[in-house]
């Protein structure tokens, strides 16, 4: 599995956002977000106003890493789905394509069964987009290199002076 950060293009970002917006509605969830395994927030949808999504994304990635260690201890590759039940809110966490983490926060307005059903469909769609994105990046590594090559020392000096 690659450990580098995921490069996102506008087209794929819009597709991902549409999928998580739809998942939010279909699962009757409060919040849905997608994060890479490094803890970087990719996209979110729902009631984010009172939530520190940056910390939540980072802690979610840490949770996946910790449970990955537990899985290895008992001879498993990883736990692809995690569920945390709280008094008011619940967290459904799933790994998509061994690359990103999909998190759904829901309350009593929804059910674990409904969330799991909707997450399964959304995960398949997200996996297709993530794979397409990875192939797109691998096919054109020179585009990223050209972008960096265009930046001169003078541009950097102007930025910091």
Protein backbone atom coordinates (compact mmCIF):
# COMPACT_ATOMS: atom_id res chain seq x y z
CA UNK A 1 0.00 0.00 0.00
CA UNK A 2 1.36 3.42 -0.89
CA UNK A 3 2.10 5.68 2.01
CA UNK A 4 2.22 8.96 0.14
CA UNK A 5 -0.51 11.55 0.48
CA UNK A 6 -3.41 11.34 -1.90
CA UNK A 7 -3.42 13.91 -4.70
CA UNK A 8 -6.93 15.20 -5.38
CA UNK A 9 -8.23 16.68 -8.62
CA UNK A 10 -11.38 18.80 -8.86
CA UNK A 11 -13.33 16.25 -10.92
CA UNK A 12 -12.80 13.44 -8.40
CA UNK A 13 -13.37 15.77 -5.47
CA UNK A 14 -16.79 16.70 -6.85
CA UNK A 15 -17.67 13.03 -7.36
CA UNK A 16 -16.56 12.15 -3.82
CA UNK A 17 -18.51 15.07 -2.37
CA UNK A 18 -21.65 13.99 -4.25
CA UNK A 19 -21.34 10.45 -2.88
CA UNK A 20 -20.89 11.51 0.73
CA UNK A 21 -23.72 14.06 0.44
CA UNK A 22 -25.99 11.28 -0.82
CA UNK A 23 -24.79 8.90 1.91
CA UNK A 24 -25.60 11.53 4.54
CA UNK A 25 -29.20 11.72 3.33
CA UNK A 26 -29.77 8.03 2.60
CA UNK A 27 -28.32 6.89 5.94
CA UNK A 28 -30.12 9.66 7.82
CA UNK A 29 -26.78 10.53 9.40
CA UNK A 30 -25.59 13.68 11.16
CA UNK A 31 -22.13 13.82 9.62
CA UNK A 32 -20.13 11.93 7.01
CA UNK A 33 -16.49 12.51 6.28
CA UNK A 34 -13.72 10.93 4.29
CA UNK A 35 -10.13 10.99 5.53
CA UNK A 36 -6.90 9.50 4.28
CA UNK A 37 -4.94 7.10 6.47
CA UNK A 38 -2.52 9.93 7.32
CA UNK A 39 -5.37 11.74 9.10
CA UNK A 40 -5.97 14.42 6.47
CA UNK A 41 -9.60 15.37 5.91
CA UNK A 42 -10.58 14.86 2.26
CA UNK A 43 -14.27 15.80 2.32
CA UNK A 44 -17.14 16.19 4.77
CA UNK A 45 -20.90 16.60 4.69
CA UNK A 46 -23.48 17.34 7.33
CA UNK A 47 -23.53 19.06 10.70
CA UNK A 48 -19.86 20.09 10.93
CA UNK A 49 -20.50 23.40 12.67
CA UNK A 50 -19.88 22.13 16.22
CA UNK A 51 -17.30 19.48 15.34
CA UNK A 52 -13.54 19.87 15.11
CA UNK A 53 -13.28 17.85 11.89
CA UNK A 54 -9.49 18.18 11.77
CA UNK A 55 -9.09 16.51 15.16
CA UNK A 56 -11.78 13.98 14.38
CA UNK A 57 -10.03 13.03 11.13
CA UNK A 58 -6.68 12.69 12.86
CA UNK A 59 -8.06 10.66 15.75
CA UNK A 60 -9.97 8.42 13.34
CA UNK A 61 -6.75 7.63 11.46
CA UNK A 62 -5.09 6.92 14.80
CA UNK A 63 -7.96 4.63 15.75
CA UNK A 64 -7.54 2.70 12.49
CA UNK A 65 -3.80 2.41 13.08
CA UNK A 66 -4.31 1.19 16.66
CA UNK A 67 -6.91 -1.40 15.70
CA UNK A 68 -4.62 -2.45 12.84
CA UNK A 69 -2.04 -3.32 15.49
CA UNK A 70 -4.65 -5.30 17.41
CA UNK A 71 -5.65 -7.13 14.22
CA UNK A 72 -2.05 -8.14 13.54
CA UNK A 73 -1.70 -9.46 17.09
CA UNK A 74 -4.53 -11.92 16.48
CA UNK A 75 -3.44 -12.81 12.94
CA UNK A 76 -5.78 -10.56 10.96
CA UNK A 77 -4.69 -8.15 8.21
CA UNK A 78 -6.90 -5.33 9.51
CA UNK A 79 -10.40 -4.65 10.78
CA UNK A 80 -12.16 -3.04 7.85
CA UNK A 81 -15.20 -1.88 9.85
CA UNK A 82 -15.33 -0.34 13.34
CA UNK A 83 -18.38 0.71 15.31
CA UNK A 84 -18.48 2.87 18.43
CA UNK A 85 -21.76 3.26 20.27
CA UNK A 86 -22.33 6.28 22.49
CA UNK A 87 -25.20 7.55 24.60
CA UNK A 88 -26.36 10.00 21.91
CA UNK A 89 -24.19 9.46 18.84
CA UNK A 90 -22.61 6.49 17.14
CA UNK A 91 -19.58 6.21 14.87
CA UNK A 92 -19.37 3.82 11.94
CA UNK A 93 -15.85 3.72 10.53
CA UNK A 94 -14.86 1.76 7.45
CA UNK A 95 -11.77 1.45 5.31
CA UNK A 96 -12.35 2.05 1.60
CA UNK A 97 -9.96 0.48 -0.86
CA UNK A 98 -7.26 0.10 1.81
CA UNK A 99 -6.55 3.78 1.19
CA UNK A 100 -9.14 6.07 2.81
CA UNK A 101 -11.45 5.99 5.83
CA UNK A 102 -15.17 6.68 5.63
CA UNK A 103 -16.77 7.88 8.87
CA UNK A 104 -20.51 8.16 9.49
CA UNK A 105 -21.80 9.77 12.68
CA UNK A 106 -25.44 9.04 13.39
CA UNK A 107 -27.93 9.10 16.24
CA UNK A 108 -31.27 7.48 17.10
CA UNK A 109 -32.83 8.84 13.89
CA UNK A 110 -31.00 6.09 12.02
CA UNK A 111 -29.91 2.52 12.70
CA UNK A 112 -26.68 0.56 12.40
CA UNK A 113 -28.28 -1.71 9.78
CA UNK A 114 -29.29 1.20 7.56
CA UNK A 115 -25.88 2.84 7.91
CA UNK A 116 -24.05 -0.40 7.06
CA UNK A 117 -26.24 -0.95 4.01
CA UNK A 118 -25.73 2.58 2.67
CA UNK A 119 -22.01 2.59 3.52
CA UNK A 120 -21.49 -0.61 1.54
CA UNK A 121 -22.88 0.97 -1.63
CA UNK A 122 -21.04 4.27 -1.10
CA UNK A 123 -17.77 2.43 -0.37
CA UNK A 124 -17.94 0.63 -3.70
CA UNK A 125 -18.48 3.92 -5.53
CA UNK A 126 -15.73 5.67 -3.57
CA UNK A 127 -13.31 2.81 -4.19
CA UNK A 128 -13.89 3.14 -7.94
CA UNK A 129 -13.11 6.87 -7.80
CA UNK A 130 -10.04 6.40 -5.58
CA UNK A 131 -8.65 3.72 -7.92
CA UNK A 132 -9.29 5.98 -10.93
CA UNK A 133 -7.56 8.82 -9.11
CA UNK A 134 -4.52 6.67 -8.27
CA UNK A 135 -4.23 5.53 -11.90
CA UNK A 136 -4.55 9.12 -13.08
CA UNK A 137 -1.72 10.25 -10.79
CA UNK A 138 0.50 7.30 -11.77
CA UNK A 139 -0.10 7.97 -15.47
CA UNK A 140 1.03 11.61 -15.25
CA UNK A 141 3.75 11.98 -12.62
CA UNK A 142 5.48 14.54 -14.84
CA UNK A 143 2.53 16.94 -14.43
CA UNK A 144 3.32 17.31 -10.73
CA UNK A 145 7.02 17.63 -11.44
CA UNK A 146 6.33 20.30 -14.09
CA UNK A 147 4.25 22.29 -11.60
CA UNK A 148 7.13 22.36 -9.14
CA UNK A 149 9.64 23.09 -11.91
CA UNK A 150 7.72 26.25 -12.81
CA UNK A 151 8.41 27.76 -9.39
CA UNK A 152 11.68 29.70 -9.40
CA UNK A 153 13.86 30.90 -6.56
CA UNK A 154 12.64 34.43 -7.33
CA UNK A 155 9.01 33.29 -6.87
CA UNK A 156 9.91 31.87 -3.46
CA UNK A 157 11.77 35.05 -2.48
CA UNK A 158 8.79 37.20 -3.51
CA UNK A 159 6.48 35.03 -1.42
CA UNK A 160 8.48 35.48 1.77
CA UNK A 161 9.53 39.15 1.40
